[in-house]
Amino acid sequence: MALTITLEPEAEARFREEAARAGLSLEQLAAQRLLEAELLWRIRTAAPASETRHLHSLLRRRRSGSVTPAEKTELQALLDQREKRGAQRLQDLAQLSRLRATPVRQLMEQLGIHPLASP
């Protein structure tokens, strides 16, 4: 697939300079920037608020002992989805840290991501 991007001359010159400093072609730098943007979007995309509210409701019902078998199944599916999203987010953070040659902890600080305290 071919993609054509038109840049203002100043922006194009900066882009060419950056590519040259990095030892990359313009296409390689553009691909890297697009990948970084995709990773950042995925890292910053949270679960929908309605899903989070429903999850918390099911967790409260489970704690109170009033969850039905069907709700238990639904709760487990939601928890599994959250775990999968969390694992993907960690993979995305690791990939972005490699692209930027930045330690993961430092990248997390830059993005305002704070690990949860251990229980």
N, C-alpha and C. Protein backbone atom coordinates (compact mmCIF):
# COMPACT_ATOMS: atom_id res chain seq x y z
N MET A 1 0.85 -1.17 0.00
CA MET A 1 0.00 0.00 0.00
C MET A 1 0.89 1.23 0.00
N ALA A 2 0.59 2.17 -0.86
CA ALA A 2 1.34 3.42 -0.93
C ALA A 2 0.57 4.49 -0.17
N LEU A 3 1.31 5.33 0.51
CA LEU A 3 0.72 6.42 1.27
C LEU A 3 1.52 7.67 0.96
N THR A 4 0.83 8.72 0.59
CA THR A 4 1.50 9.98 0.29
C THR A 4 1.10 11.00 1.34
N ILE A 5 2.10 11.66 1.93
CA ILE A 5 1.85 12.67 2.94
C ILE A 5 2.48 13.97 2.48
N THR A 6 1.71 15.04 2.51
CA THR A 6 2.23 16.34 2.13
C THR A 6 2.53 17.12 3.40
N LEU A 7 3.77 17.59 3.49
CA LEU A 7 4.22 18.36 4.65
C LEU A 7 4.60 19.77 4.21
N GLU A 8 4.47 20.69 5.12
CA GLU A 8 5.00 22.03 4.88
C GLU A 8 6.51 21.90 4.74
N PRO A 9 7.14 22.76 3.95
CA PRO A 9 8.59 22.64 3.74
C PRO A 9 9.41 22.60 5.02
N GLU A 10 9.06 23.41 6.01
CA GLU A 10 9.81 23.41 7.27
C GLU A 10 9.67 22.08 8.00
N ALA A 11 8.47 21.55 8.01
CA ALA A 11 8.22 20.26 8.68
C ALA A 11 8.95 19.14 7.94
N GLU A 12 8.94 19.21 6.61
CA GLU A 12 9.65 18.19 5.83
C GLU A 12 11.15 18.24 6.10
N ALA A 13 11.70 19.44 6.18
CA ALA A 13 13.14 19.58 6.45
C ALA A 13 13.48 19.01 7.82
N ARG A 14 12.65 19.30 8.83
CA ARG A 14 12.90 18.75 10.18
C ARG A 14 12.80 17.22 10.16
N PHE A 15 11.83 16.71 9.43
CA PHE A 15 11.63 15.27 9.35
C PHE A 15 12.83 14.61 8.67
N ARG A 16 13.31 15.22 7.60
CA ARG A 16 14.49 14.69 6.89
C ARG A 16 15.72 14.72 7.80
N GLU A 17 15.89 15.81 8.54
CA GLU A 17 17.02 15.91 9.47
C GLU A 17 16.94 14.84 10.54
N GLU A 18 15.76 14.65 11.09
CA GLU A 18 15.59 13.64 12.14
C GLU A 18 15.88 12.23 11.60
N ALA A 19 15.39 11.96 10.40
CA ALA A 19 15.65 10.66 9.78
C ALA A 19 17.15 10.45 9.57
N ALA A 20 17.81 11.48 9.10
CA ALA A 20 19.25 11.38 8.86
C ALA A 20 20.00 11.16 10.17
N ARG A 21 19.63 11.89 11.23
CA ARG A 21 20.28 11.71 12.55
C ARG A 21 20.10 10.29 13.06
N ALA A 22 18.92 9.73 12.81
CA ALA A 22 18.61 8.38 13.30
C ALA A 22 19.14 7.30 12.36
N GLY A 23 19.65 7.71 11.21
CA GLY A 23 20.14 6.72 10.25
C GLY A 23 19.02 5.93 9.60
N LEU A 24 17.86 6.57 9.43
CA LEU A 24 16.69 5.91 8.86
C LEU A 24 16.28 6.60 7.58
N SER A 25 15.58 5.86 6.73
CA SER A 25 14.97 6.49 5.56
C SER A 25 13.73 7.23 6.04
N LEU A 26 13.22 8.11 5.17
CA LEU A 26 11.98 8.82 5.52
C LEU A 26 10.84 7.83 5.79
N GLU A 27 10.77 6.78 4.97
CA GLU A 27 9.71 5.79 5.12
C GLU A 27 9.83 5.06 6.45
N GLN A 28 11.07 4.72 6.82
CA GLN A 28 11.28 4.02 8.09
C GLN A 28 10.90 4.91 9.27
N LEU A 29 11.29 6.18 9.22
CA LEU A 29 10.94 7.10 10.31
C LEU A 29 9.44 7.29 10.39
N ALA A 30 8.79 7.44 9.24
CA ALA A 30 7.33 7.60 9.23
C ALA A 30 6.65 6.36 9.80
N ALA A 31 7.11 5.19 9.41
CA ALA A 31 6.53 3.95 9.94
C ALA A 31 6.73 3.87 11.45
N GLN A 32 7.91 4.25 11.91
CA GLN A 32 8.18 4.23 13.35
C GLN A 32 7.26 5.19 14.08
N ARG A 33 7.07 6.38 13.55
CA ARG A 33 6.18 7.36 14.19
C ARG A 33 4.74 6.87 14.23
N LEU A 34 4.30 6.25 13.16
CA LEU A 34 2.94 5.72 13.14
C LEU A 34 2.78 4.59 14.15
N LEU A 35 3.79 3.74 14.26
CA LEU A 35 3.74 2.66 15.24
C LEU A 35 3.72 3.23 16.65
N GLU A 36 4.54 4.23 16.92
CA GLU A 36 4.54 4.88 18.23
C GLU A 36 3.17 5.45 18.56
N ALA A 37 2.55 6.10 17.59
CA ALA A 37 1.22 6.69 17.80
C ALA A 37 0.19 5.60 18.13
N GLU A 38 0.25 4.49 17.39
CA GLU A 38 -0.66 3.36 17.64
C GLU A 38 -0.45 2.78 19.03
N LEU A 39 0.82 2.60 19.42
CA LEU A 39 1.11 2.06 20.76
C LEU A 39 0.63 3.01 21.84
N LEU A 40 0.88 4.29 21.68
CA LEU A 40 0.42 5.28 22.67
C LEU A 40 -1.10 5.26 22.80
N TRP A 41 -1.78 5.17 21.66
CA TRP A 41 -3.24 5.13 21.70
C TRP A 41 -3.72 3.91 22.48
N ARG A 42 -3.13 2.75 22.20
CA ARG A 42 -3.55 1.53 22.90
C ARG A 42 -3.20 1.60 24.37
N ILE A 43 -2.03 2.14 24.72
CA ILE A 43 -1.62 2.24 26.12
C ILE A 43 -2.58 3.14 26.89
N ARG A 44 -3.00 4.22 26.27
CA ARG A 44 -3.83 5.22 26.97
C ARG A 44 -5.32 4.93 26.92
N THR A 45 -5.73 3.97 26.10
CA THR A 45 -7.15 3.66 25.98
C THR A 45 -7.59 2.78 27.14
N ALA A 46 -8.48 3.31 27.92
CA ALA A 46 -8.99 2.58 29.08
C ALA A 46 -10.24 1.80 28.70
N ALA A 47 -10.63 0.94 29.59
CA ALA A 47 -11.88 0.21 29.40
C ALA A 47 -13.03 1.21 29.46
N PRO A 48 -14.11 0.94 28.74
CA PRO A 48 -15.26 1.86 28.78
C PRO A 48 -15.77 2.02 30.21
N ALA A 49 -16.20 3.23 30.54
CA ALA A 49 -16.68 3.53 31.89
C ALA A 49 -17.86 2.64 32.27
N SER A 50 -18.75 2.36 31.32
CA SER A 50 -19.92 1.52 31.63
C SER A 50 -19.47 0.11 32.01
N GLU A 51 -18.42 -0.40 31.33
CA GLU A 51 -17.90 -1.72 31.65
C GLU A 51 -17.29 -1.73 33.06
N THR A 52 -16.57 -0.67 33.38
CA THR A 52 -15.94 -0.56 34.71
C THR A 52 -17.01 -0.50 35.80
N ARG A 53 -18.05 0.28 35.58
CA ARG A 53 -19.14 0.36 36.57
C ARG A 53 -19.79 -1.00 36.77
N HIS A 54 -20.03 -1.71 35.65
CA HIS A 54 -20.67 -3.02 35.74
C HIS A 54 -19.76 -4.01 36.48
N LEU A 55 -18.47 -3.97 36.16
CA LEU A 55 -17.51 -4.84 36.85
C LEU A 55 -17.53 -4.57 38.35
N HIS A 56 -17.48 -3.31 38.74
CA HIS A 56 -17.49 -2.98 40.17
C HIS A 56 -18.79 -3.41 40.85
N SER A 57 -19.89 -3.29 40.11
CA SER A 57 -21.18 -3.74 40.65
C SER A 57 -21.15 -5.25 40.91
N LEU A 58 -20.63 -6.00 39.96
CA LEU A 58 -20.55 -7.45 40.12
C LEU A 58 -19.59 -7.82 41.26
N LEU A 59 -18.50 -7.10 41.40
CA LEU A 59 -17.56 -7.36 42.50
C LEU A 59 -18.21 -7.09 43.85
N ARG A 60 -18.99 -6.02 43.93
CA ARG A 60 -19.71 -5.73 45.20
C ARG A 60 -20.72 -6.83 45.51
N ARG A 61 -21.44 -7.29 44.48
CA ARG A 61 -22.42 -8.37 44.68
C ARG A 61 -21.73 -9.65 45.12
N ARG A 62 -20.57 -9.92 44.55
CA ARG A 62 -19.82 -11.12 44.94
C ARG A 62 -19.38 -11.01 46.40
N ARG A 63 -18.87 -9.85 46.78
CA ARG A 63 -18.44 -9.66 48.19
C ARG A 63 -19.60 -9.82 49.16
N SER A 64 -20.78 -9.36 48.74
CA SER A 64 -21.94 -9.46 49.63
C SER A 64 -22.58 -10.85 49.59
N GLY A 65 -22.13 -11.69 48.67
CA GLY A 65 -22.66 -13.05 48.58
C GLY A 65 -23.96 -13.15 47.81
N SER A 66 -24.32 -12.10 47.07
CA SER A 66 -25.60 -12.12 46.36
C SER A 66 -25.46 -12.27 44.85
N VAL A 67 -24.30 -12.73 44.38
CA VAL A 67 -24.08 -12.89 42.95
C VAL A 67 -24.67 -14.23 42.49
N THR A 68 -25.32 -14.22 41.34
CA THR A 68 -25.91 -15.44 40.79
C THR A 68 -24.84 -16.22 40.02
N PRO A 69 -25.09 -17.49 39.73
CA PRO A 69 -24.14 -18.25 38.91
C PRO A 69 -23.87 -17.60 37.55
N ALA A 70 -24.89 -17.05 36.92
CA ALA A 70 -24.71 -16.39 35.62
C ALA A 70 -23.83 -15.15 35.78
N GLU A 71 -24.04 -14.42 36.88
CA GLU A 71 -23.22 -13.23 37.12
C GLU A 71 -21.77 -13.60 37.44
N LYS A 72 -21.59 -14.73 38.11
CA LYS A 72 -20.22 -15.21 38.37
C LYS A 72 -19.49 -15.48 37.07
N THR A 73 -20.19 -16.10 36.13
CA THR A 73 -19.59 -16.38 34.82
C THR A 73 -19.25 -15.08 34.10
N GLU A 74 -20.18 -14.15 34.14
CA GLU A 74 -19.96 -12.85 33.50
C GLU A 74 -18.81 -12.10 34.17
N LEU A 75 -18.75 -12.14 35.48
CA LEU A 75 -17.67 -11.49 36.22
C LEU A 75 -16.32 -12.09 35.83
N GLN A 76 -16.25 -13.40 35.75
CA GLN A 76 -14.99 -14.04 35.38
C GLN A 76 -14.57 -13.64 33.97
N ALA A 77 -15.54 -13.55 33.06
CA ALA A 77 -15.22 -13.13 31.69
C ALA A 77 -14.69 -11.70 31.67
N LEU A 78 -15.30 -10.82 32.45
CA LEU A 78 -14.83 -9.43 32.53
C LEU A 78 -13.43 -9.35 33.13
N LEU A 79 -13.18 -10.13 34.17
CA LEU A 79 -11.86 -10.14 34.79
C LEU A 79 -10.80 -10.68 33.83
N ASP A 80 -11.18 -11.71 33.07
CA ASP A 80 -10.26 -12.26 32.07
C ASP A 80 -9.93 -11.22 30.99
N GLN A 81 -10.95 -10.48 30.54
CA GLN A 81 -10.73 -9.43 29.56
C GLN A 81 -9.78 -8.36 30.10
N ARG A 82 -10.01 -7.97 31.35
CA ARG A 82 -9.15 -6.96 31.98
C ARG A 82 -7.72 -7.46 32.08
N GLU A 83 -7.55 -8.71 32.43
CA GLU A 83 -6.21 -9.27 32.54
C GLU A 83 -5.52 -9.29 31.17
N LYS A 84 -6.27 -9.66 30.14
CA LYS A 84 -5.73 -9.69 28.79
C LYS A 84 -5.33 -8.27 28.34
N ARG A 85 -6.20 -7.29 28.64
CA ARG A 85 -5.88 -5.90 28.30
C ARG A 85 -4.63 -5.43 29.03
N GLY A 86 -4.52 -5.80 30.29
CA GLY A 86 -3.35 -5.40 31.08
C GLY A 86 -2.08 -6.00 30.52
N ALA A 87 -2.13 -7.25 30.12
CA ALA A 87 -0.96 -7.90 29.54
C ALA A 87 -0.58 -7.25 28.22
N GLN A 88 -1.57 -6.92 27.40
CA GLN A 88 -1.31 -6.25 26.13
C GLN A 88 -0.71 -4.87 26.37
N ARG A 89 -1.20 -4.18 27.38
CA ARG A 89 -0.67 -2.85 27.70
C ARG A 89 0.80 -2.94 28.10
N LEU A 90 1.15 -3.96 28.88
CA LEU A 90 2.55 -4.14 29.25
C LEU A 90 3.41 -4.44 28.02
N GLN A 91 2.91 -5.26 27.12
CA GLN A 91 3.65 -5.55 25.88
C GLN A 91 3.83 -4.28 25.05
N ASP A 92 2.78 -3.47 24.97
CA ASP A 92 2.86 -2.22 24.22
C ASP A 92 3.86 -1.26 24.87
N LEU A 93 3.85 -1.18 26.20
CA LEU A 93 4.83 -0.34 26.90
C LEU A 93 6.25 -0.81 26.62
N ALA A 94 6.47 -2.11 26.66
CA ALA A 94 7.80 -2.66 26.39
C ALA A 94 8.24 -2.35 24.97
N GLN A 95 7.33 -2.50 24.01
CA GLN A 95 7.68 -2.23 22.62
C GLN A 95 7.98 -0.75 22.41
N LEU A 96 7.19 0.13 23.03
CA LEU A 96 7.43 1.56 22.90
C LEU A 96 8.75 1.95 23.57
N SER A 97 9.06 1.32 24.69
CA SER A 97 10.33 1.63 25.36
C SER A 97 11.52 1.22 24.48
N ARG A 98 11.38 0.12 23.76
CA ARG A 98 12.45 -0.30 22.85
C ARG A 98 12.59 0.68 21.68
N LEU A 99 11.45 1.10 21.12
CA LEU A 99 11.49 2.06 20.00
C LEU A 99 12.15 3.37 20.41
N ARG A 100 11.88 3.79 21.63
CA ARG A 100 12.42 5.07 22.10
C ARG A 100 13.74 4.92 22.84
N ALA A 101 14.19 3.69 22.99
CA ALA A 101 15.43 3.41 23.74
C ALA A 101 15.37 4.07 25.12
N THR A 102 14.24 3.86 25.79
CA THR A 102 13.98 4.43 27.10
C THR A 102 13.56 3.30 28.03
N PRO A 103 14.10 3.25 29.26
CA PRO A 103 13.66 2.21 30.20
C PRO A 103 12.14 2.31 30.45
N VAL A 104 11.52 1.15 30.65
CA VAL A 104 10.07 1.10 30.82
C VAL A 104 9.62 2.00 31.98
N ARG A 105 10.30 1.92 33.11
CA ARG A 105 9.91 2.76 34.27
C ARG A 105 9.94 4.24 33.92
N GLN A 106 10.98 4.66 33.20
CA GLN A 106 11.09 6.06 32.81
C GLN A 106 9.96 6.44 31.85
N LEU A 107 9.65 5.56 30.91
CA LEU A 107 8.55 5.79 29.98
C LEU A 107 7.24 5.90 30.73
N MET A 108 7.03 5.03 31.70
CA MET A 108 5.80 5.09 32.49
C MET A 108 5.69 6.42 33.21
N GLU A 109 6.80 6.91 33.76
CA GLU A 109 6.78 8.22 34.42
C GLU A 109 6.43 9.32 33.43
N GLN A 110 7.03 9.27 32.23
CA GLN A 110 6.74 10.27 31.22
C GLN A 110 5.27 10.27 30.82
N LEU A 111 4.66 9.09 30.80
CA LEU A 111 3.26 8.97 30.41
C LEU A 111 2.29 9.13 31.59
N GLY A 112 2.84 9.30 32.79
CA GLY A 112 1.99 9.45 33.96
C GLY A 112 1.33 8.16 34.39
N ILE A 113 1.98 7.04 34.14
CA ILE A 113 1.44 5.73 34.52
C ILE A 113 2.15 5.31 35.80
N HIS A 114 1.36 5.02 36.83
CA HIS A 114 1.92 4.62 38.11
C HIS A 114 1.50 3.20 38.43
N PRO A 115 2.47 2.32 38.72
CA PRO A 115 2.11 0.93 39.06
C PRO A 115 1.29 0.90 40.34
N LEU A 116 0.40 -0.07 40.42
CA LEU A 116 -0.38 -0.26 41.64
C LEU A 116 0.50 -0.79 42.74
N ALA A 117 0.24 -0.34 43.94
CA ALA A 117 0.99 -0.84 45.09
C ALA A 117 0.62 -2.30 45.33
N SER A 118 1.58 -3.07 45.80
CA SER A 118 1.33 -4.47 46.12
C SER A 118 0.40 -4.55 47.31
N PRO A 119 -0.49 -5.55 47.34
CA PRO A 119 -1.43 -5.68 48.47
C PRO A 119 -0.71 -6.11 49.73
